[in-house]
């Protein structure tokens, strides 16, 4: 899982999450304590689970042509509440080349 701060329609953060020192874990604490008043200012993402493909004989994710090579490093992040809306994808496109969208 990963969390990022929400932004408004103009791209400004709703809340600043910049740590004030090395021990500042306000974002992590807010995520772990779901009832925190700050949780509504976070977007929590998780790996999209692959589906089984009889054709391939394994689990697959649909990258809509953005990824061309199979790799254990390929992944997609989705919101917990909407697994069909891919927020971020990362995948292999060459021997040492990757795409991040």
N, C-alpha and C. Protein backbone atom coordinates (compact mmCIF):
# COMPACT_ATOMS: atom_id res chain seq x y z
N UNK A 1 0.83 -1.18 0.00
CA UNK A 1 0.00 0.00 0.00
C UNK A 1 0.87 1.24 0.00
N UNK A 2 0.30 2.30 -0.53
CA UNK A 2 0.99 3.59 -0.57
C UNK A 2 -0.02 4.69 -0.35
N UNK A 3 0.39 5.77 0.25
CA UNK A 3 -0.48 6.92 0.45
C UNK A 3 0.19 8.16 -0.11
N UNK A 4 -0.62 8.99 -0.73
CA UNK A 4 -0.15 10.28 -1.21
C UNK A 4 -1.15 11.34 -0.76
N UNK A 5 -0.70 12.56 -0.65
CA UNK A 5 -1.59 13.64 -0.24
C UNK A 5 -2.52 14.05 -1.37
N UNK A 6 -3.78 14.33 -1.02
CA UNK A 6 -4.74 14.81 -2.02
C UNK A 6 -4.42 16.24 -2.40
N UNK A 7 -4.81 16.61 -3.63
CA UNK A 7 -4.65 17.98 -4.12
C UNK A 7 -6.01 18.50 -4.57
N UNK A 8 -6.14 19.84 -4.61
CA UNK A 8 -7.39 20.43 -5.09
C UNK A 8 -7.40 20.48 -6.62
N UNK A 9 -8.42 21.08 -7.20
CA UNK A 9 -8.57 21.12 -8.66
C UNK A 9 -7.44 21.87 -9.36
N UNK A 10 -6.72 22.71 -8.63
CA UNK A 10 -5.62 23.47 -9.22
C UNK A 10 -4.26 22.86 -8.90
N UNK A 11 -4.26 21.66 -8.29
CA UNK A 11 -3.02 20.95 -8.01
C UNK A 11 -2.34 21.34 -6.71
N UNK A 12 -3.01 22.15 -5.89
CA UNK A 12 -2.42 22.54 -4.60
C UNK A 12 -2.75 21.48 -3.56
N UNK A 13 -1.79 21.14 -2.70
CA UNK A 13 -2.05 20.13 -1.66
C UNK A 13 -3.10 20.62 -0.67
N UNK A 14 -4.00 19.70 -0.27
CA UNK A 14 -5.00 20.04 0.75
C UNK A 14 -4.36 20.15 2.13
N UNK A 15 -3.25 19.46 2.31
CA UNK A 15 -2.51 19.51 3.56
C UNK A 15 -1.04 19.27 3.26
N UNK A 16 -0.17 19.98 3.96
CA UNK A 16 1.27 19.75 3.78
C UNK A 16 1.69 18.56 4.64
N UNK A 17 2.37 17.61 4.02
CA UNK A 17 2.81 16.40 4.72
C UNK A 17 4.31 16.37 4.89
N UNK A 18 4.99 17.47 4.72
CA UNK A 18 6.44 17.51 4.81
C UNK A 18 6.88 17.26 6.26
N UNK A 19 7.73 16.26 6.47
CA UNK A 19 8.19 15.99 7.84
C UNK A 19 8.98 17.18 8.40
N UNK A 20 8.81 17.45 9.69
CA UNK A 20 9.54 18.55 10.32
C UNK A 20 10.86 18.06 10.94
N UNK A 21 10.98 16.74 11.12
CA UNK A 21 12.23 16.16 11.60
C UNK A 21 12.26 14.68 11.19
N UNK A 22 13.34 13.98 11.51
CA UNK A 22 13.51 12.60 11.07
C UNK A 22 12.50 11.65 11.71
N UNK A 23 11.94 12.02 12.83
CA UNK A 23 11.01 11.15 13.55
C UNK A 23 9.55 11.47 13.25
N UNK A 24 9.29 12.49 12.41
CA UNK A 24 7.92 12.89 12.12
C UNK A 24 7.26 11.87 11.20
N UNK A 25 6.21 11.23 11.70
CA UNK A 25 5.51 10.19 10.93
C UNK A 25 4.01 10.48 10.88
N UNK A 26 3.64 11.77 10.74
CA UNK A 26 2.23 12.15 10.77
C UNK A 26 1.42 11.45 9.67
N UNK A 27 1.98 11.34 8.46
CA UNK A 27 1.25 10.69 7.38
C UNK A 27 1.02 9.21 7.70
N UNK A 28 2.06 8.52 8.15
CA UNK A 28 1.94 7.11 8.49
C UNK A 28 0.98 6.90 9.65
N UNK A 29 1.07 7.74 10.66
CA UNK A 29 0.17 7.64 11.81
C UNK A 29 -1.28 7.87 11.39
N UNK A 30 -1.51 8.85 10.51
CA UNK A 30 -2.87 9.11 10.02
C UNK A 30 -3.41 7.93 9.24
N UNK A 31 -2.55 7.30 8.43
CA UNK A 31 -2.98 6.14 7.65
C UNK A 31 -3.34 4.97 8.55
N UNK A 32 -2.51 4.70 9.54
CA UNK A 32 -2.74 3.57 10.44
C UNK A 32 -3.96 3.77 11.32
N UNK A 33 -4.21 5.01 11.74
CA UNK A 33 -5.38 5.32 12.56
C UNK A 33 -6.47 5.85 11.64
N UNK A 34 -7.22 4.96 11.03
CA UNK A 34 -8.20 5.33 10.00
C UNK A 34 -9.17 6.42 10.46
N UNK A 35 -9.38 6.57 11.76
CA UNK A 35 -10.32 7.57 12.25
C UNK A 35 -9.70 8.96 12.40
N UNK A 36 -8.43 9.11 12.07
CA UNK A 36 -7.74 10.39 12.19
C UNK A 36 -8.44 11.47 11.36
N UNK A 37 -8.42 12.69 11.88
CA UNK A 37 -9.03 13.81 11.15
C UNK A 37 -8.29 14.13 9.86
N UNK A 38 -7.07 13.61 9.71
CA UNK A 38 -6.27 13.90 8.53
C UNK A 38 -6.45 12.86 7.42
N UNK A 39 -7.11 11.74 7.71
CA UNK A 39 -7.20 10.65 6.73
C UNK A 39 -7.92 11.09 5.45
N UNK A 40 -8.86 12.03 5.56
CA UNK A 40 -9.58 12.46 4.36
C UNK A 40 -8.68 13.25 3.41
N UNK A 41 -7.48 13.63 3.86
CA UNK A 41 -6.54 14.36 3.01
C UNK A 41 -5.51 13.43 2.36
N UNK A 42 -5.74 12.12 2.47
CA UNK A 42 -4.84 11.14 1.86
C UNK A 42 -5.58 10.32 0.80
N UNK A 43 -4.86 9.95 -0.24
CA UNK A 43 -5.33 8.97 -1.20
C UNK A 43 -4.51 7.71 -0.93
N UNK A 44 -5.19 6.64 -0.53
CA UNK A 44 -4.49 5.39 -0.22
C UNK A 44 -4.61 4.44 -1.41
N UNK A 45 -3.47 3.98 -1.87
CA UNK A 45 -3.40 3.14 -3.07
C UNK A 45 -2.89 1.76 -2.70
N UNK A 46 -3.27 0.78 -3.52
CA UNK A 46 -2.79 -0.59 -3.31
C UNK A 46 -2.55 -1.25 -4.67
N UNK A 47 -1.77 -2.31 -4.66
CA UNK A 47 -1.53 -3.04 -5.90
C UNK A 47 -2.82 -3.63 -6.43
N UNK A 48 -3.05 -3.48 -7.73
CA UNK A 48 -4.19 -4.14 -8.36
C UNK A 48 -3.85 -5.62 -8.51
N UNK A 49 -4.77 -6.46 -8.10
CA UNK A 49 -4.53 -7.90 -8.20
C UNK A 49 -4.69 -8.37 -9.64
N UNK A 50 -3.78 -9.19 -10.11
CA UNK A 50 -3.89 -9.71 -11.48
C UNK A 50 -5.01 -10.75 -11.56
N UNK A 51 -5.47 -11.00 -12.77
CA UNK A 51 -6.49 -12.04 -12.98
C UNK A 51 -5.84 -13.20 -13.74
N UNK A 52 -6.41 -14.37 -13.58
CA UNK A 52 -5.88 -15.57 -14.23
C UNK A 52 -6.25 -15.57 -15.70
N UNK A 53 -5.30 -15.93 -16.54
CA UNK A 53 -5.52 -16.05 -17.97
C UNK A 53 -5.23 -17.48 -18.39
N UNK A 54 -6.28 -18.18 -18.87
CA UNK A 54 -6.08 -19.53 -19.39
C UNK A 54 -5.20 -19.51 -20.65
N UNK A 55 -5.33 -18.43 -21.43
CA UNK A 55 -4.56 -18.30 -22.67
C UNK A 55 -3.05 -18.26 -22.39
N UNK A 56 -2.67 -17.55 -21.36
CA UNK A 56 -1.26 -17.40 -21.01
C UNK A 56 -0.82 -18.47 -20.01
N UNK A 57 -1.78 -18.97 -19.27
CA UNK A 57 -1.45 -19.95 -18.23
C UNK A 57 -0.83 -19.31 -17.01
N UNK A 58 -1.26 -18.09 -16.72
CA UNK A 58 -0.71 -17.36 -15.56
C UNK A 58 -1.54 -16.13 -15.27
N UNK A 59 -1.11 -15.41 -14.26
CA UNK A 59 -1.79 -14.18 -13.87
C UNK A 59 -1.33 -13.01 -14.74
N UNK A 60 -2.27 -12.14 -15.10
CA UNK A 60 -1.95 -11.01 -15.98
C UNK A 60 -2.65 -9.74 -15.50
N UNK A 61 -2.08 -8.61 -15.91
CA UNK A 61 -2.69 -7.29 -15.74
C UNK A 61 -2.79 -6.66 -17.12
N UNK A 62 -3.84 -5.91 -17.37
CA UNK A 62 -4.03 -5.23 -18.65
C UNK A 62 -3.39 -3.85 -18.58
N UNK A 63 -2.32 -3.65 -19.33
CA UNK A 63 -1.64 -2.37 -19.36
C UNK A 63 -2.04 -1.55 -20.59
N UNK A 64 -3.04 -2.00 -21.33
CA UNK A 64 -3.56 -1.27 -22.49
C UNK A 64 -2.46 -0.84 -23.46
N UNK A 65 -1.52 -1.73 -23.70
CA UNK A 65 -0.46 -1.46 -24.68
C UNK A 65 0.70 -0.64 -24.17
N UNK A 66 0.66 -0.17 -22.93
CA UNK A 66 1.73 0.68 -22.39
C UNK A 66 2.95 -0.13 -21.93
N UNK A 67 2.78 -1.43 -21.72
CA UNK A 67 3.86 -2.30 -21.27
C UNK A 67 3.96 -3.45 -22.26
N UNK A 68 5.19 -3.77 -22.68
CA UNK A 68 5.34 -4.78 -23.73
C UNK A 68 6.10 -6.03 -23.30
N UNK A 69 6.66 -6.05 -22.09
CA UNK A 69 7.44 -7.19 -21.62
C UNK A 69 6.89 -7.68 -20.28
N UNK A 70 6.80 -8.99 -20.15
CA UNK A 70 6.41 -9.58 -18.87
C UNK A 70 7.55 -9.39 -17.87
N UNK A 71 7.20 -9.06 -16.64
CA UNK A 71 8.20 -8.88 -15.60
C UNK A 71 7.53 -8.94 -14.23
N UNK A 72 8.25 -9.49 -13.26
CA UNK A 72 7.73 -9.49 -11.89
C UNK A 72 7.72 -8.07 -11.32
N UNK A 73 8.39 -7.14 -11.99
CA UNK A 73 8.42 -5.75 -11.54
C UNK A 73 7.22 -4.94 -12.02
N UNK A 74 6.44 -5.45 -12.95
CA UNK A 74 5.27 -4.73 -13.45
C UNK A 74 4.20 -4.65 -12.36
N UNK A 75 3.62 -3.45 -12.21
CA UNK A 75 2.52 -3.31 -11.24
C UNK A 75 1.63 -2.13 -11.61
N UNK A 76 0.44 -2.12 -11.01
CA UNK A 76 -0.52 -1.03 -11.15
C UNK A 76 -1.01 -0.68 -9.75
N UNK A 77 -1.16 0.64 -9.49
CA UNK A 77 -1.73 1.08 -8.22
C UNK A 77 -3.12 1.64 -8.46
N UNK A 78 -4.05 1.23 -7.60
CA UNK A 78 -5.45 1.68 -7.68
C UNK A 78 -5.89 2.15 -6.30
N UNK A 79 -6.94 2.97 -6.26
CA UNK A 79 -7.52 3.36 -4.97
C UNK A 79 -8.22 2.15 -4.37
N UNK A 80 -8.20 2.08 -3.05
CA UNK A 80 -8.85 0.98 -2.36
C UNK A 80 -10.33 0.89 -2.72
N UNK A 81 -10.94 2.04 -2.95
CA UNK A 81 -12.38 2.08 -3.20
C UNK A 81 -12.76 1.88 -4.67
N UNK A 82 -11.79 1.90 -5.59
CA UNK A 82 -12.10 1.81 -7.02
C UNK A 82 -10.97 1.08 -7.75
N UNK A 83 -11.04 -0.24 -7.79
CA UNK A 83 -9.96 -1.03 -8.37
C UNK A 83 -9.90 -0.97 -9.89
N UNK A 84 -10.89 -0.39 -10.54
CA UNK A 84 -10.86 -0.27 -12.00
C UNK A 84 -10.17 0.99 -12.47
N UNK A 85 -9.99 1.97 -11.58
CA UNK A 85 -9.36 3.24 -11.94
C UNK A 85 -7.88 3.18 -11.59
N UNK A 86 -7.03 2.91 -12.59
CA UNK A 86 -5.60 2.79 -12.36
C UNK A 86 -5.00 4.19 -12.23
N UNK A 87 -4.37 4.44 -11.09
CA UNK A 87 -3.77 5.75 -10.80
C UNK A 87 -2.33 5.80 -11.32
N UNK A 88 -1.61 4.70 -11.19
CA UNK A 88 -0.21 4.66 -11.59
C UNK A 88 0.10 3.27 -12.11
N UNK A 89 0.87 3.22 -13.19
CA UNK A 89 1.33 1.91 -13.68
C UNK A 89 2.82 1.97 -13.96
N UNK A 90 3.47 0.85 -13.75
CA UNK A 90 4.91 0.72 -13.96
C UNK A 90 5.15 -0.62 -14.62
N UNK A 91 5.88 -0.62 -15.73
CA UNK A 91 6.11 -1.89 -16.40
C UNK A 91 7.27 -1.84 -17.36
N UNK A 92 7.78 -3.02 -17.65
CA UNK A 92 8.93 -3.19 -18.54
C UNK A 92 8.51 -3.00 -20.00
N UNK A 93 9.32 -2.21 -20.73
CA UNK A 93 9.10 -2.02 -22.16
C UNK A 93 10.31 -2.43 -22.99
N UNK A 94 11.41 -2.73 -22.33
CA UNK A 94 12.63 -3.16 -23.00
C UNK A 94 13.53 -3.87 -22.01
N UNK A 95 14.71 -4.28 -22.48
CA UNK A 95 15.63 -5.04 -21.61
C UNK A 95 15.94 -4.28 -20.33
N UNK A 96 16.22 -3.01 -20.44
CA UNK A 96 16.51 -2.18 -19.27
C UNK A 96 15.70 -0.89 -19.30
N UNK A 97 14.51 -0.95 -19.89
CA UNK A 97 13.65 0.23 -20.01
C UNK A 97 12.30 -0.06 -19.39
N UNK A 98 11.77 0.94 -18.66
CA UNK A 98 10.48 0.80 -18.00
C UNK A 98 9.63 2.03 -18.29
N UNK A 99 8.32 1.84 -18.21
CA UNK A 99 7.37 2.93 -18.39
C UNK A 99 6.69 3.20 -17.05
N UNK A 100 6.58 4.48 -16.69
CA UNK A 100 5.88 4.90 -15.48
C UNK A 100 4.84 5.92 -15.89
N UNK A 101 3.58 5.57 -15.75
CA UNK A 101 2.47 6.48 -16.12
C UNK A 101 1.60 6.71 -14.91
